[in-house]
């Protein structure tokens, strides 16, 4: 039985996967934290839950960001395993 927020990711099997989301720059500011753990099977599941938890501004920033899983470029279908790290890297401005 779960309490509170219901996970948006679909679980496969009986062993849920906990992945850590690492946030940088504007994504960190919008979320109010630099990391959070989510129960999901894919990068997309992690990001869906993060957007639900952190809100529309986070979702807008996510749309313009690069996403990596364990140091490699990732898309929403990339599977995540226990202890994987998903990183959101917003574009950086400067000159």
C-alpha atoms as a PDB file:
ATOM      1  CA  UNK A   1       0.000   0.000   0.000  1.00  0.00           C
ATOM      2  CA  UNK A   2       1.293   3.460  -0.869  1.00  0.00           C
ATOM      3  CA  UNK A   3       0.451   6.715   0.838  1.00  0.00           C
ATOM      4  CA  UNK A   4       0.431  10.169  -0.681  1.00  0.00           C
ATOM      5  CA  UNK A   5       1.666  10.691  -4.240  1.00  0.00           C
ATOM      6  CA  UNK A   6       1.039   7.797  -6.619  1.00  0.00           C
ATOM      7  CA  UNK A   7       3.981   6.956  -8.918  1.00  0.00           C
ATOM      8  CA  UNK A   8       3.307   7.755 -12.569  1.00  0.00           C
ATOM      9  CA  UNK A   9       5.778   5.212 -13.904  1.00  0.00           C
ATOM     10  CA  UNK A  10       4.688   1.705 -14.776  1.00  0.00           C
ATOM     11  CA  UNK A  11       6.404  -0.957 -12.709  1.00  0.00           C
ATOM     12  CA  UNK A  12       7.649  -4.164 -14.277  1.00  0.00           C
ATOM     13  CA  UNK A  13       8.003  -7.103 -11.920  1.00  0.00           C
ATOM     14  CA  UNK A  14       7.928  -7.061  -8.156  1.00  0.00           C
ATOM     15  CA  UNK A  15      11.106  -5.096  -7.465  1.00  0.00           C
ATOM     16  CA  UNK A  16      10.694  -1.342  -7.827  1.00  0.00           C
ATOM     17  CA  UNK A  17      13.755   0.579  -8.967  1.00  0.00           C
ATOM     18  CA  UNK A  18      14.936   3.665  -7.103  1.00  0.00           C
ATOM     19  CA  UNK A  19      16.861   6.090  -9.300  1.00  0.00           C
ATOM     20  CA  UNK A  20      18.396   9.365  -8.144  1.00  0.00           C
ATOM     21  CA  UNK A  21      17.605  12.516 -10.099  1.00  0.00           C
ATOM     22  CA  UNK A  22      20.410  15.111 -10.002  1.00  0.00           C
ATOM     23  CA  UNK A  23      19.441  18.677 -10.835  1.00  0.00           C
ATOM     24  CA  UNK A  24      21.654  21.560 -11.881  1.00  0.00           C
ATOM     25  CA  UNK A  25      21.342  25.324 -12.444  1.00  0.00           C
ATOM     26  CA  UNK A  26      17.771  26.466 -13.266  1.00  0.00           C
ATOM     27  CA  UNK A  27      16.356  22.943 -12.804  1.00  0.00           C
ATOM     28  CA  UNK A  28      17.755  22.866  -9.261  1.00  0.00           C
ATOM     29  CA  UNK A  29      16.314  26.313  -8.564  1.00  0.00           C
ATOM     30  CA  UNK A  30      12.861  25.393  -9.907  1.00  0.00           C
ATOM     31  CA  UNK A  31      12.782  22.157  -7.887  1.00  0.00           C
ATOM     32  CA  UNK A  32      14.205  23.661  -4.709  1.00  0.00           C
ATOM     33  CA  UNK A  33      16.612  20.743  -4.343  1.00  0.00           C
ATOM     34  CA  UNK A  34      19.712  19.357  -6.025  1.00  0.00           C
ATOM     35  CA  UNK A  35      18.594  15.716  -5.892  1.00  0.00           C
ATOM     36  CA  UNK A  36      15.595  13.488  -5.273  1.00  0.00           C
ATOM     37  CA  UNK A  37      14.964   9.765  -5.488  1.00  0.00           C
ATOM     38  CA  UNK A  38      12.139   8.346  -7.614  1.00  0.00           C
ATOM     39  CA  UNK A  39      10.718   4.879  -8.131  1.00  0.00           C
ATOM     40  CA  UNK A  40      10.639   4.216 -11.890  1.00  0.00           C
ATOM     41  CA  UNK A  41      11.808   1.834 -14.597  1.00  0.00           C
ATOM     42  CA  UNK A  42      12.773   4.418 -17.220  1.00  0.00           C
ATOM     43  CA  UNK A  43      14.261   7.885 -17.457  1.00  0.00           C
ATOM     44  CA  UNK A  44      10.853   9.061 -18.674  1.00  0.00           C
ATOM     45  CA  UNK A  45       9.210   7.684 -15.543  1.00  0.00           C
ATOM     46  CA  UNK A  46      11.680   9.555 -13.353  1.00  0.00           C
ATOM     47  CA  UNK A  47      11.131  12.795 -15.264  1.00  0.00           C
ATOM     48  CA  UNK A  48       7.330  12.446 -15.264  1.00  0.00           C
ATOM     49  CA  UNK A  49       7.316  12.045 -11.492  1.00  0.00           C
ATOM     50  CA  UNK A  50       9.726  14.950 -11.066  1.00  0.00           C
ATOM     51  CA  UNK A  51       7.534  17.219 -13.198  1.00  0.00           C
ATOM     52  CA  UNK A  52       4.476  16.189 -11.202  1.00  0.00           C
ATOM     53  CA  UNK A  53       6.280  16.890  -7.930  1.00  0.00           C
ATOM     54  CA  UNK A  54       8.143  20.086  -8.883  1.00  0.00           C
ATOM     55  CA  UNK A  55       5.574  21.783 -11.143  1.00  0.00           C
ATOM     56  CA  UNK A  56       5.181  23.554 -14.454  1.00  0.00           C
ATOM     57  CA  UNK A  57       8.284  25.754 -14.275  1.00  0.00           C
ATOM     58  CA  UNK A  58      10.415  22.658 -13.758  1.00  0.00           C
ATOM     59  CA  UNK A  59       8.670  21.020 -16.733  1.00  0.00           C
ATOM     60  CA  UNK A  60       9.417  24.020 -18.946  1.00  0.00           C
ATOM     61  CA  UNK A  61      13.084  23.954 -17.972  1.00  0.00           C
ATOM     62  CA  UNK A  62      13.194  20.197 -18.524  1.00  0.00           C
ATOM     63  CA  UNK A  63      11.927  20.711 -22.092  1.00  0.00           C
ATOM     64  CA  UNK A  64      15.052  22.725 -22.953  1.00  0.00           C
ATOM     65  CA  UNK A  65      17.505  20.553 -20.993  1.00  0.00           C
ATOM     66  CA  UNK A  66      19.859  17.703 -21.809  1.00  0.00           C
ATOM     67  CA  UNK A  67      19.215  14.504 -19.864  1.00  0.00           C
ATOM     68  CA  UNK A  68      21.903  11.980 -19.020  1.00  0.00           C
ATOM     69  CA  UNK A  69      21.832   8.634 -17.228  1.00  0.00           C
ATOM     70  CA  UNK A  70      25.036   7.509 -15.559  1.00  0.00           C
ATOM     71  CA  UNK A  71      27.109   9.949 -17.620  1.00  0.00           C
ATOM     72  CA  UNK A  72      25.593   8.981 -20.996  1.00  0.00           C
ATOM     73  CA  UNK A  73      22.986  10.832 -23.072  1.00  0.00           C
ATOM     74  CA  UNK A  74      19.522   9.410 -22.376  1.00  0.00           C
ATOM     75  CA  UNK A  75      15.976   9.630 -23.680  1.00  0.00           C
ATOM     76  CA  UNK A  76      12.655   8.832 -22.032  1.00  0.00           C
ATOM     77  CA  UNK A  77      12.855   5.131 -22.967  1.00  0.00           C
ATOM     78  CA  UNK A  78      16.274   4.608 -21.375  1.00  0.00           C
ATOM     79  CA  UNK A  79      15.865   2.003 -18.612  1.00  0.00           C
ATOM     80  CA  UNK A  80      17.008   2.794 -15.096  1.00  0.00           C
ATOM     81  CA  UNK A  81      18.239   0.330 -12.527  1.00  0.00           C
ATOM     82  CA  UNK A  82      18.789   0.512  -8.795  1.00  0.00           C
ATOM     83  CA  UNK A  83      21.266   3.257  -7.883  1.00  0.00           C
ATOM     84  CA  UNK A  84      21.304   4.831 -11.377  1.00  0.00           C
ATOM     85  CA  UNK A  85      21.673   8.596 -11.605  1.00  0.00           C
ATOM     86  CA  UNK A  86      19.615  10.677 -14.011  1.00  0.00           C
ATOM     87  CA  UNK A  87      20.975  14.198 -14.513  1.00  0.00           C
ATOM     88  CA  UNK A  88      19.099  17.226 -15.869  1.00  0.00           C
ATOM     89  CA  UNK A  89      21.457  19.768 -17.445  1.00  0.00           C
ATOM     90  CA  UNK A  90      19.722  23.000 -18.488  1.00  0.00           C
ATOM     91  CA  UNK A  91      21.289  25.180 -21.170  1.00  0.00           C
ATOM     92  CA  UNK A  92      23.846  27.635 -19.829  1.00  0.00           C
ATOM     93  CA  UNK A  93      23.908  31.213 -21.000  1.00  0.00           C
ATOM     94  CA  UNK A  94      26.881  33.486 -20.827  1.00  0.00           C
ATOM     95  CA  UNK A  95      29.388  35.223 -22.924  1.00  0.00           C
END
